[in-house]
């Protein structure tokens, strides 16, 4: 099974603003060069696990349960950007400013615990919410203008009260995500 650990945008107004940004950037895609993330699939990937045997799920759940000792917090979504670069965009994202240190702490807990299941990633964890993926080269300045005009926009703040283990089933029309296990963070 293909698994990942996610943080969801719990504030509906903030989620609507993220969707509006996604819809705006899709306007740059005249020939379907950009594929937007489906509304119901928008999330922050705290840790991608990938393909694992079903027998490893209890150990992964045990790692996820370690997050329950950490307190709820607020994340601030601000600005948009691309990975790896504006000259070669592959991923279009909304950034996370406030709450980034708490997300990195949770990520570190998961990395330490999952070490025997999945090797740690070599890239630094940069909290972000993917809103679209670039499938092939985009012509024109539309994406550049979009990034420049929204590079420091305050999208909103959302409480983070839970961490979710999700299964990803890849389908031709797009991935389907199924919640496997949810851990609530400590109340404030």
N, C-alpha and C. Protein backbone atom coordinates (compact mmCIF):
# COMPACT_ATOMS: atom_id res chain seq x y z
N UNK A 1 0.83 -1.19 0.00
CA UNK A 1 0.00 0.00 0.00
C UNK A 1 0.88 1.25 0.00
N UNK A 2 0.36 2.29 -0.62
CA UNK A 2 1.09 3.56 -0.74
C UNK A 2 0.56 4.51 0.35
N UNK A 3 1.44 4.92 1.26
CA UNK A 3 1.02 5.68 2.43
C UNK A 3 1.75 7.01 2.57
N UNK A 4 1.10 7.95 3.26
CA UNK A 4 1.75 9.19 3.66
C UNK A 4 1.05 9.72 4.91
N UNK A 5 1.73 10.62 5.60
CA UNK A 5 1.19 11.23 6.82
C UNK A 5 0.91 12.69 6.50
N UNK A 6 -0.32 13.14 6.83
CA UNK A 6 -0.78 14.45 6.39
C UNK A 6 -1.29 15.31 7.53
N UNK A 7 -1.23 16.62 7.28
CA UNK A 7 -1.89 17.64 8.08
C UNK A 7 -2.94 18.24 7.14
N UNK A 8 -4.17 18.31 7.60
CA UNK A 8 -5.23 18.87 6.78
C UNK A 8 -5.46 20.33 7.14
N UNK A 9 -6.01 21.08 6.20
CA UNK A 9 -6.41 22.47 6.47
C UNK A 9 -7.79 22.39 7.10
N UNK A 10 -7.86 22.64 8.40
CA UNK A 10 -9.10 22.44 9.14
C UNK A 10 -10.05 23.63 9.05
N UNK A 11 -9.54 24.80 8.71
CA UNK A 11 -10.38 25.99 8.59
C UNK A 11 -10.95 26.05 7.17
N UNK A 12 -12.28 25.99 7.05
CA UNK A 12 -12.93 25.94 5.73
C UNK A 12 -12.68 27.20 4.91
N UNK A 13 -12.65 28.39 5.55
CA UNK A 13 -12.40 29.63 4.81
C UNK A 13 -10.99 29.64 4.22
N UNK A 14 -10.03 29.18 5.00
CA UNK A 14 -8.65 29.13 4.52
C UNK A 14 -8.54 28.13 3.36
N UNK A 15 -9.20 26.98 3.51
CA UNK A 15 -9.19 25.99 2.43
C UNK A 15 -9.79 26.58 1.16
N UNK A 16 -10.87 27.35 1.27
CA UNK A 16 -11.47 27.99 0.09
C UNK A 16 -10.49 28.96 -0.56
N UNK A 17 -9.71 29.69 0.25
CA UNK A 17 -8.73 30.61 -0.32
C UNK A 17 -7.61 29.86 -1.05
N UNK A 18 -7.19 28.73 -0.49
CA UNK A 18 -6.17 27.90 -1.15
C UNK A 18 -6.72 27.39 -2.49
N UNK A 19 -7.96 26.95 -2.50
CA UNK A 19 -8.59 26.46 -3.72
C UNK A 19 -8.69 27.59 -4.75
N UNK A 20 -9.00 28.81 -4.29
CA UNK A 20 -9.08 29.96 -5.21
C UNK A 20 -7.71 30.24 -5.85
N UNK A 21 -6.63 30.13 -5.07
CA UNK A 21 -5.29 30.31 -5.63
C UNK A 21 -5.00 29.21 -6.65
N UNK A 22 -5.36 27.98 -6.32
CA UNK A 22 -5.18 26.88 -7.28
C UNK A 22 -5.93 27.16 -8.57
N UNK A 23 -7.17 27.59 -8.45
CA UNK A 23 -7.98 27.87 -9.64
C UNK A 23 -7.37 29.00 -10.47
N UNK A 24 -6.83 30.01 -9.78
CA UNK A 24 -6.21 31.13 -10.50
C UNK A 24 -4.99 30.66 -11.29
N UNK A 25 -4.15 29.84 -10.69
CA UNK A 25 -2.94 29.41 -11.40
C UNK A 25 -3.29 28.46 -12.55
N UNK A 26 -4.40 27.76 -12.44
CA UNK A 26 -4.81 26.89 -13.55
C UNK A 26 -5.16 27.71 -14.79
N UNK A 27 -5.46 28.99 -14.61
CA UNK A 27 -5.69 29.88 -15.74
C UNK A 27 -4.45 30.08 -16.59
N UNK A 28 -3.28 29.75 -16.06
CA UNK A 28 -2.03 29.84 -16.83
C UNK A 28 -1.83 28.63 -17.73
N UNK A 29 -2.70 27.65 -17.59
CA UNK A 29 -2.53 26.38 -18.29
C UNK A 29 -3.47 26.29 -19.48
N UNK A 30 -3.03 26.84 -20.61
CA UNK A 30 -3.86 26.86 -21.82
C UNK A 30 -3.93 25.47 -22.48
N UNK A 31 -2.87 24.72 -22.37
CA UNK A 31 -2.80 23.41 -23.03
C UNK A 31 -2.71 22.27 -22.00
N UNK A 32 -3.27 22.50 -20.81
CA UNK A 32 -3.27 21.51 -19.72
C UNK A 32 -1.86 21.14 -19.27
N UNK A 33 -0.98 22.13 -19.25
CA UNK A 33 0.38 21.88 -18.77
C UNK A 33 0.41 21.76 -17.24
N UNK A 34 -0.61 22.33 -16.59
CA UNK A 34 -0.68 22.32 -15.13
C UNK A 34 -1.87 21.49 -14.70
N UNK A 35 -1.65 20.60 -13.72
CA UNK A 35 -2.74 19.80 -13.15
C UNK A 35 -2.95 20.23 -11.71
N UNK A 36 -4.13 20.69 -11.39
CA UNK A 36 -4.45 21.10 -10.03
C UNK A 36 -4.72 19.92 -9.13
N UNK A 37 -4.42 20.10 -7.85
CA UNK A 37 -4.77 19.10 -6.84
C UNK A 37 -6.28 19.21 -6.60
N UNK A 38 -6.95 18.08 -6.55
CA UNK A 38 -8.39 18.05 -6.33
C UNK A 38 -8.72 18.67 -4.97
N UNK A 39 -9.87 19.35 -4.87
CA UNK A 39 -10.27 20.02 -3.63
C UNK A 39 -10.10 19.12 -2.41
N UNK A 40 -10.64 17.91 -2.51
CA UNK A 40 -10.65 16.99 -1.35
C UNK A 40 -9.27 16.43 -1.03
N UNK A 41 -8.30 16.62 -1.91
CA UNK A 41 -6.95 16.08 -1.69
C UNK A 41 -5.94 17.12 -1.23
N UNK A 42 -6.36 18.36 -1.05
CA UNK A 42 -5.42 19.40 -0.62
C UNK A 42 -5.03 19.16 0.83
N UNK A 43 -3.73 19.10 1.10
CA UNK A 43 -3.20 18.82 2.43
C UNK A 43 -1.72 19.20 2.48
N UNK A 44 -1.14 19.12 3.65
CA UNK A 44 0.29 19.26 3.82
C UNK A 44 0.85 17.87 4.08
N UNK A 45 1.79 17.42 3.27
CA UNK A 45 2.41 16.12 3.50
C UNK A 45 3.49 16.29 4.57
N UNK A 46 3.23 15.70 5.73
CA UNK A 46 4.20 15.76 6.82
C UNK A 46 5.31 14.74 6.58
N UNK A 47 4.94 13.57 6.06
CA UNK A 47 5.95 12.54 5.76
C UNK A 47 5.40 11.60 4.71
N UNK A 48 6.05 11.54 3.55
CA UNK A 48 5.69 10.57 2.52
C UNK A 48 6.36 9.26 2.87
N UNK A 49 5.60 8.19 2.88
CA UNK A 49 6.15 6.87 3.21
C UNK A 49 6.34 6.04 1.94
N UNK A 50 5.36 6.07 1.06
CA UNK A 50 5.45 5.32 -0.19
C UNK A 50 4.91 3.91 -0.04
N UNK A 51 5.34 3.04 -0.95
CA UNK A 51 4.85 1.66 -0.97
C UNK A 51 5.45 0.86 0.18
N UNK A 52 4.58 0.27 0.99
CA UNK A 52 5.02 -0.61 2.08
C UNK A 52 4.06 -1.79 2.17
N UNK A 53 4.54 -2.83 2.78
CA UNK A 53 3.71 -4.01 3.03
C UNK A 53 2.65 -3.67 4.08
N UNK A 54 1.48 -4.26 3.92
CA UNK A 54 0.40 -4.04 4.89
C UNK A 54 0.81 -4.46 6.30
N UNK A 55 1.74 -5.40 6.39
CA UNK A 55 2.20 -5.87 7.70
C UNK A 55 2.93 -4.78 8.49
N UNK A 56 3.39 -3.72 7.80
CA UNK A 56 4.11 -2.63 8.48
C UNK A 56 3.17 -1.55 9.01
N UNK A 57 1.90 -1.61 8.66
CA UNK A 57 0.96 -0.56 9.08
C UNK A 57 0.89 -0.41 10.60
N UNK A 58 0.83 -1.49 11.40
CA UNK A 58 0.80 -1.29 12.86
C UNK A 58 2.03 -0.54 13.39
N UNK A 59 3.19 -0.80 12.84
CA UNK A 59 4.40 -0.09 13.28
C UNK A 59 4.33 1.38 12.88
N UNK A 60 3.78 1.67 11.71
CA UNK A 60 3.63 3.06 11.27
C UNK A 60 2.62 3.79 12.16
N UNK A 61 1.53 3.11 12.50
CA UNK A 61 0.53 3.69 13.42
C UNK A 61 1.17 3.97 14.77
N UNK A 62 2.01 3.08 15.24
CA UNK A 62 2.71 3.29 16.51
C UNK A 62 3.56 4.56 16.45
N UNK A 63 4.22 4.79 15.33
CA UNK A 63 5.02 6.01 15.16
C UNK A 63 4.11 7.24 15.15
N UNK A 64 3.00 7.14 14.44
CA UNK A 64 2.06 8.27 14.37
C UNK A 64 1.52 8.60 15.76
N UNK A 65 1.25 7.58 16.56
CA UNK A 65 0.71 7.79 17.91
C UNK A 65 1.65 8.62 18.79
N UNK A 66 2.93 8.63 18.48
CA UNK A 66 3.89 9.42 19.26
C UNK A 66 3.61 10.92 19.15
N UNK A 67 2.92 11.32 18.09
CA UNK A 67 2.58 12.74 17.90
C UNK A 67 1.56 13.22 18.92
N UNK A 68 0.84 12.30 19.57
CA UNK A 68 -0.24 12.69 20.48
C UNK A 68 0.26 13.43 21.72
N UNK A 69 1.55 13.35 22.00
CA UNK A 69 2.07 14.06 23.17
C UNK A 69 2.37 15.53 22.88
N UNK A 70 2.21 15.94 21.62
CA UNK A 70 2.46 17.33 21.23
C UNK A 70 1.15 18.11 21.19
N UNK A 71 1.25 19.39 21.46
CA UNK A 71 0.06 20.25 21.56
C UNK A 71 -0.41 20.75 20.20
N UNK A 72 -1.70 21.03 20.14
CA UNK A 72 -2.27 21.68 18.96
C UNK A 72 -1.58 23.02 18.76
N UNK A 73 -1.59 23.49 17.51
CA UNK A 73 -0.97 24.78 17.21
C UNK A 73 -1.67 25.38 15.99
N UNK A 74 -1.29 26.59 15.66
CA UNK A 74 -1.87 27.27 14.50
C UNK A 74 -0.80 27.39 13.43
N UNK A 75 -1.17 27.07 12.20
CA UNK A 75 -0.23 27.30 11.09
C UNK A 75 -0.76 28.46 10.26
N UNK A 76 0.19 29.29 9.83
CA UNK A 76 -0.14 30.43 8.98
C UNK A 76 0.28 30.10 7.57
N UNK A 77 -0.68 30.18 6.65
CA UNK A 77 -0.38 29.95 5.24
C UNK A 77 -0.14 31.30 4.60
N UNK A 78 1.04 31.44 3.98
CA UNK A 78 1.42 32.73 3.40
C UNK A 78 2.26 32.53 2.15
N UNK A 79 1.86 33.20 1.09
CA UNK A 79 2.64 33.23 -0.14
C UNK A 79 2.51 31.97 -0.97
N UNK A 80 2.97 32.09 -2.21
CA UNK A 80 3.00 30.96 -3.13
C UNK A 80 4.41 30.87 -3.71
N UNK A 81 4.73 29.71 -4.22
CA UNK A 81 6.04 29.51 -4.83
C UNK A 81 6.05 28.25 -5.66
N UNK A 82 7.23 27.88 -6.14
CA UNK A 82 7.38 26.68 -6.96
C UNK A 82 8.63 25.93 -6.53
N UNK A 83 8.63 24.63 -6.77
CA UNK A 83 9.81 23.78 -6.64
C UNK A 83 10.10 23.21 -8.01
N UNK A 84 11.32 23.02 -8.47
CA UNK A 84 12.54 23.45 -7.80
C UNK A 84 12.88 24.92 -8.04
N UNK A 85 12.41 25.48 -9.18
CA UNK A 85 12.72 26.88 -9.47
C UNK A 85 11.70 27.42 -10.46
N UNK A 86 11.63 28.74 -10.55
CA UNK A 86 10.68 29.37 -11.48
C UNK A 86 11.05 29.08 -12.94
N UNK A 87 12.34 28.84 -13.20
CA UNK A 87 12.74 28.53 -14.57
C UNK A 87 12.42 27.07 -14.95
N UNK A 88 12.26 26.22 -13.94
CA UNK A 88 11.90 24.81 -14.18
C UNK A 88 10.86 24.35 -13.15
N UNK A 89 9.67 24.95 -13.15
CA UNK A 89 8.69 24.61 -12.13
C UNK A 89 8.13 23.19 -12.29
N UNK A 90 8.00 22.48 -11.19
CA UNK A 90 7.38 21.14 -11.19
C UNK A 90 6.18 21.11 -10.24
N UNK A 91 6.33 21.84 -9.10
CA UNK A 91 5.30 21.87 -8.07
C UNK A 91 4.97 23.32 -7.75
N UNK A 92 3.70 23.65 -7.69
CA UNK A 92 3.25 24.99 -7.29
C UNK A 92 2.62 24.83 -5.91
N UNK A 93 3.03 25.67 -4.98
CA UNK A 93 2.62 25.50 -3.58
C UNK A 93 2.23 26.79 -2.90
N UNK A 94 1.50 26.60 -1.77
CA UNK A 94 1.22 27.67 -0.81
C UNK A 94 2.15 27.42 0.36
N UNK A 95 2.82 28.47 0.83
CA UNK A 95 3.81 28.32 1.89
C UNK A 95 3.23 28.31 3.29
N UNK A 96 4.01 27.79 4.22
CA UNK A 96 3.65 27.78 5.64
C UNK A 96 4.70 28.59 6.38
N UNK A 97 4.27 29.65 7.06
CA UNK A 97 5.19 30.47 7.86
C UNK A 97 5.00 30.11 9.33
N UNK A 98 3.96 30.67 9.96
CA UNK A 98 3.70 30.33 11.36
C UNK A 98 3.36 28.87 11.51
N UNK A 99 3.91 28.22 12.53
CA UNK A 99 3.68 26.80 12.76
C UNK A 99 4.71 25.91 12.10
N UNK A 100 5.62 26.48 11.33
CA UNK A 100 6.62 25.67 10.63
C UNK A 100 7.52 24.91 11.61
N UNK A 101 7.89 25.55 12.74
CA UNK A 101 8.77 24.86 13.69
C UNK A 101 8.05 23.67 14.34
N UNK A 102 6.75 23.81 14.62
CA UNK A 102 5.99 22.69 15.18
C UNK A 102 5.87 21.56 14.16
N UNK A 103 5.67 21.92 12.91
CA UNK A 103 5.60 20.89 11.86
C UNK A 103 6.94 20.17 11.72
N UNK A 104 8.03 20.91 11.81
CA UNK A 104 9.35 20.29 11.71
C UNK A 104 9.62 19.38 12.90
N UNK A 105 9.12 19.75 14.08
CA UNK A 105 9.26 18.88 15.26
C UNK A 105 8.53 17.57 15.05
N UNK A 106 7.26 17.66 14.60
CA UNK A 106 6.49 16.44 14.33
C UNK A 106 7.16 15.59 13.27
N UNK A 107 7.68 16.23 12.25
CA UNK A 107 8.37 15.51 11.18
C UNK A 107 9.59 14.78 11.74
N UNK A 108 10.35 15.44 12.62
CA UNK A 108 11.51 14.81 13.22
C UNK A 108 11.16 13.59 14.05
N UNK A 109 10.07 13.67 14.80
CA UNK A 109 9.59 12.54 15.60
C UNK A 109 9.26 11.36 14.67
N UNK A 110 8.56 11.66 13.59
CA UNK A 110 8.19 10.61 12.64
C UNK A 110 9.41 10.02 11.95
N UNK A 111 10.34 10.88 11.52
CA UNK A 111 11.56 10.39 10.86
C UNK A 111 12.33 9.44 11.76
N UNK A 112 12.48 9.83 13.03
CA UNK A 112 13.23 8.99 13.97
C UNK A 112 12.57 7.63 14.14
N UNK A 113 11.26 7.64 14.30
CA UNK A 113 10.53 6.39 14.53
C UNK A 113 10.44 5.52 13.28
N UNK A 114 10.30 6.15 12.13
CA UNK A 114 10.14 5.40 10.87
C UNK A 114 11.46 4.97 10.25
N UNK A 115 12.56 5.28 10.89
CA UNK A 115 13.89 5.04 10.32
C UNK A 115 14.08 3.60 9.82
N UNK A 116 13.53 2.61 10.54
CA UNK A 116 13.70 1.21 10.14
C UNK A 116 12.71 0.79 9.05
N UNK A 117 11.67 1.61 8.84
CA UNK A 117 10.66 1.29 7.84
C UNK A 117 10.97 1.98 6.52
N UNK A 118 11.35 3.24 6.62
CA UNK A 118 11.60 4.05 5.42
C UNK A 118 12.80 4.95 5.70
N UNK A 119 13.76 4.93 4.82
CA UNK A 119 14.96 5.76 5.00
C UNK A 119 14.58 7.23 5.01
N UNK A 120 15.23 8.02 5.86
CA UNK A 120 14.94 9.47 5.88
C UNK A 120 15.29 10.10 4.53
N UNK A 121 14.51 11.12 4.18
CA UNK A 121 14.78 11.84 2.95
C UNK A 121 15.99 12.75 3.16
N UNK A 122 16.76 12.94 2.10
CA UNK A 122 17.97 13.76 2.21
C UNK A 122 17.66 15.25 2.10
N UNK A 123 16.54 15.58 1.46
CA UNK A 123 16.20 17.00 1.32
C UNK A 123 15.62 17.52 2.63
N UNK A 124 15.89 18.79 2.89
CA UNK A 124 15.33 19.44 4.07
C UNK A 124 13.82 19.52 3.92
N UNK A 125 13.11 19.29 5.03
CA UNK A 125 11.65 19.38 5.03
C UNK A 125 11.25 20.85 4.99
N UNK A 126 10.52 21.23 3.95
CA UNK A 126 10.02 22.60 3.78
C UNK A 126 8.49 22.51 3.80
N UNK A 127 7.85 22.90 4.92
CA UNK A 127 6.39 22.80 5.00
C UNK A 127 5.71 23.62 3.91
N UNK A 128 4.83 22.97 3.16
CA UNK A 128 4.10 23.63 2.07
C UNK A 128 2.88 22.81 1.73
N UNK A 129 1.96 23.42 1.01
CA UNK A 129 0.76 22.74 0.55
C UNK A 129 0.77 22.79 -0.97
N UNK A 130 0.92 21.64 -1.59
CA UNK A 130 0.94 21.56 -3.05
C UNK A 130 -0.47 21.86 -3.58
N UNK A 131 -0.56 22.81 -4.53
CA UNK A 131 -1.86 23.12 -5.12
C UNK A 131 -1.93 22.67 -6.59
N UNK A 132 -0.77 22.47 -7.23
CA UNK A 132 -0.75 22.04 -8.63
C UNK A 132 0.62 21.49 -8.98
N UNK A 133 0.63 20.69 -10.05
CA UNK A 133 1.88 20.15 -10.58
C UNK A 133 1.99 20.53 -12.05
N UNK A 134 3.20 20.86 -12.45
CA UNK A 134 3.45 21.23 -13.85
C UNK A 134 3.84 19.96 -14.60
N UNK A 135 3.03 19.61 -15.60
CA UNK A 135 3.25 18.37 -16.35
C UNK A 135 4.24 18.54 -17.48
N UNK A 136 4.25 19.72 -18.10
CA UNK A 136 5.22 20.00 -19.16
C UNK A 136 5.47 21.50 -19.21
N UNK A 137 6.47 21.88 -19.91
CA UNK A 137 6.93 23.27 -19.95
C UNK A 137 5.80 24.26 -20.23
N UNK A 138 5.79 25.34 -19.46
CA UNK A 138 4.78 26.39 -19.62
C UNK A 138 5.41 27.55 -20.38
N UNK A 139 4.69 28.04 -21.37
CA UNK A 139 5.20 29.20 -22.09
C UNK A 139 4.56 30.47 -21.54
N UNK A 140 5.23 31.57 -21.75
CA UNK A 140 4.67 32.85 -21.32
C UNK A 140 5.02 33.20 -19.89
N UNK A 141 4.52 34.36 -19.47
CA UNK A 141 4.89 34.88 -18.16
C UNK A 141 3.78 34.75 -17.14
N UNK A 142 2.72 34.03 -17.46
CA UNK A 142 1.57 33.94 -16.57
C UNK A 142 1.95 33.37 -15.19
N UNK A 143 2.69 32.27 -15.16
CA UNK A 143 3.06 31.67 -13.87
C UNK A 143 3.96 32.62 -13.08
N UNK A 144 4.91 33.23 -13.75
CA UNK A 144 5.82 34.17 -13.09
C UNK A 144 5.01 35.33 -12.49
N UNK A 145 4.04 35.86 -13.24
CA UNK A 145 3.19 36.95 -12.74
C UNK A 145 2.35 36.49 -11.55
N UNK A 146 1.83 35.27 -11.62
CA UNK A 146 1.05 34.71 -10.52
C UNK A 146 1.89 34.63 -9.25
N UNK A 147 3.10 34.09 -9.37
CA UNK A 147 3.99 33.94 -8.21
C UNK A 147 4.35 35.32 -7.66
N UNK A 148 4.70 36.25 -8.52
CA UNK A 148 5.10 37.59 -8.06
C UNK A 148 3.94 38.32 -7.37
N UNK A 149 2.75 38.18 -7.90
CA UNK A 149 1.62 38.92 -7.32
C UNK A 149 1.10 38.32 -6.02
N UNK A 150 1.44 37.05 -5.74
CA UNK A 150 0.95 36.40 -4.51
C UNK A 150 2.09 35.92 -3.61
N UNK A 151 3.30 36.36 -3.85
CA UNK A 151 4.46 35.81 -3.14
C UNK A 151 4.43 36.02 -1.64
N UNK A 152 3.70 37.04 -1.17
CA UNK A 152 3.65 37.27 0.28
C UNK A 152 2.22 37.43 0.79
N UNK A 153 1.23 36.97 0.02
CA UNK A 153 -0.17 37.07 0.46
C UNK A 153 -0.41 36.25 1.72
N UNK A 154 -1.14 36.81 2.67
CA UNK A 154 -1.60 36.04 3.82
C UNK A 154 -2.84 35.29 3.38
N UNK A 155 -2.74 33.97 3.30
CA UNK A 155 -3.86 33.15 2.88
C UNK A 155 -4.79 32.91 4.07
N UNK A 156 -4.20 32.78 5.27
CA UNK A 156 -4.99 32.60 6.48
C UNK A 156 -4.29 31.73 7.49
N UNK A 157 -4.96 31.55 8.62
CA UNK A 157 -4.42 30.69 9.67
C UNK A 157 -5.42 29.57 9.94
N UNK A 158 -4.90 28.41 10.29
CA UNK A 158 -5.74 27.25 10.56
C UNK A 158 -5.15 26.47 11.72
N UNK A 159 -6.02 26.03 12.63
CA UNK A 159 -5.56 25.19 13.73
C UNK A 159 -5.12 23.84 13.20
N UNK A 160 -4.13 23.28 13.85
CA UNK A 160 -3.69 21.91 13.56
C UNK A 160 -4.01 21.12 14.82
N UNK A 161 -5.02 20.27 14.72
CA UNK A 161 -5.48 19.51 15.89
C UNK A 161 -5.24 18.01 15.75
N UNK A 162 -4.81 17.59 14.54
CA UNK A 162 -4.65 16.16 14.30
C UNK A 162 -3.63 15.90 13.20
N UNK A 163 -3.15 14.67 13.19
CA UNK A 163 -2.23 14.17 12.18
C UNK A 163 -2.87 12.89 11.64
N UNK A 164 -2.84 12.71 10.31
CA UNK A 164 -3.59 11.61 9.70
C UNK A 164 -2.68 10.74 8.81
N UNK A 165 -2.76 9.43 9.02
CA UNK A 165 -2.12 8.47 8.12
C UNK A 165 -3.10 8.19 7.00
N UNK A 166 -2.66 8.38 5.75
CA UNK A 166 -3.54 8.21 4.60
C UNK A 166 -2.96 7.19 3.63
N UNK A 167 -3.87 6.51 2.98
CA UNK A 167 -3.49 5.61 1.89
C UNK A 167 -3.82 6.32 0.59
N UNK A 168 -2.92 6.23 -0.36
CA UNK A 168 -3.11 6.84 -1.68
C UNK A 168 -3.29 5.72 -2.70
N UNK A 169 -4.45 5.75 -3.37
CA UNK A 169 -4.72 4.79 -4.44
C UNK A 169 -4.68 5.58 -5.75
N UNK A 170 -3.70 5.27 -6.59
CA UNK A 170 -3.53 6.00 -7.84
C UNK A 170 -4.53 5.50 -8.88
N UNK A 171 -5.27 6.45 -9.45
CA UNK A 171 -6.28 6.14 -10.46
C UNK A 171 -6.06 7.06 -11.66
N UNK A 172 -6.53 6.71 -12.83
CA UNK A 172 -6.33 7.55 -14.02
C UNK A 172 -6.87 8.97 -13.84
N UNK A 173 -7.98 9.14 -13.14
CA UNK A 173 -8.56 10.48 -12.95
C UNK A 173 -7.90 11.25 -11.81
N UNK A 174 -6.98 10.63 -11.10
CA UNK A 174 -6.30 11.29 -9.98
C UNK A 174 -6.30 10.39 -8.76
N UNK A 175 -5.46 10.69 -7.77
CA UNK A 175 -5.37 9.82 -6.61
C UNK A 175 -6.62 9.90 -5.72
N UNK A 176 -6.90 8.79 -5.07
CA UNK A 176 -7.95 8.75 -4.05
C UNK A 176 -7.25 8.52 -2.71
N UNK A 177 -7.57 9.35 -1.72
CA UNK A 177 -6.95 9.23 -0.41
C UNK A 177 -7.96 8.66 0.58
N UNK A 178 -7.50 7.69 1.35
CA UNK A 178 -8.35 7.05 2.37
C UNK A 178 -7.65 7.20 3.71
N UNK A 179 -8.37 7.74 4.70
CA UNK A 179 -7.81 7.87 6.05
C UNK A 179 -7.69 6.48 6.67
N UNK A 180 -6.48 6.19 7.20
CA UNK A 180 -6.20 4.91 7.85
C UNK A 180 -6.24 5.06 9.37
N UNK A 181 -5.63 6.14 9.86
CA UNK A 181 -5.52 6.35 11.31
C UNK A 181 -5.34 7.84 11.58
N UNK A 182 -6.04 8.34 12.59
CA UNK A 182 -5.94 9.76 12.97
C UNK A 182 -5.49 9.86 14.41
N UNK A 183 -4.55 10.76 14.66
CA UNK A 183 -4.06 11.03 16.01
C UNK A 183 -4.38 12.48 16.35
N UNK A 184 -5.06 12.65 17.46
CA UNK A 184 -5.38 14.01 17.92
C UNK A 184 -4.21 14.56 18.73
N UNK A 185 -3.87 15.82 18.49
CA UNK A 185 -2.84 16.47 19.29
C UNK A 185 -3.47 16.94 20.59
N UNK A 186 -2.64 17.18 21.59
CA UNK A 186 -3.14 17.62 22.90
C UNK A 186 -3.84 18.96 22.76
N UNK A 187 -4.97 19.09 23.46
CA UNK A 187 -5.70 20.36 23.47
C UNK A 187 -4.94 21.42 24.22
N UNK A 188 -5.21 22.66 23.88
CA UNK A 188 -4.51 23.78 24.54
C UNK A 188 -5.32 24.23 25.74
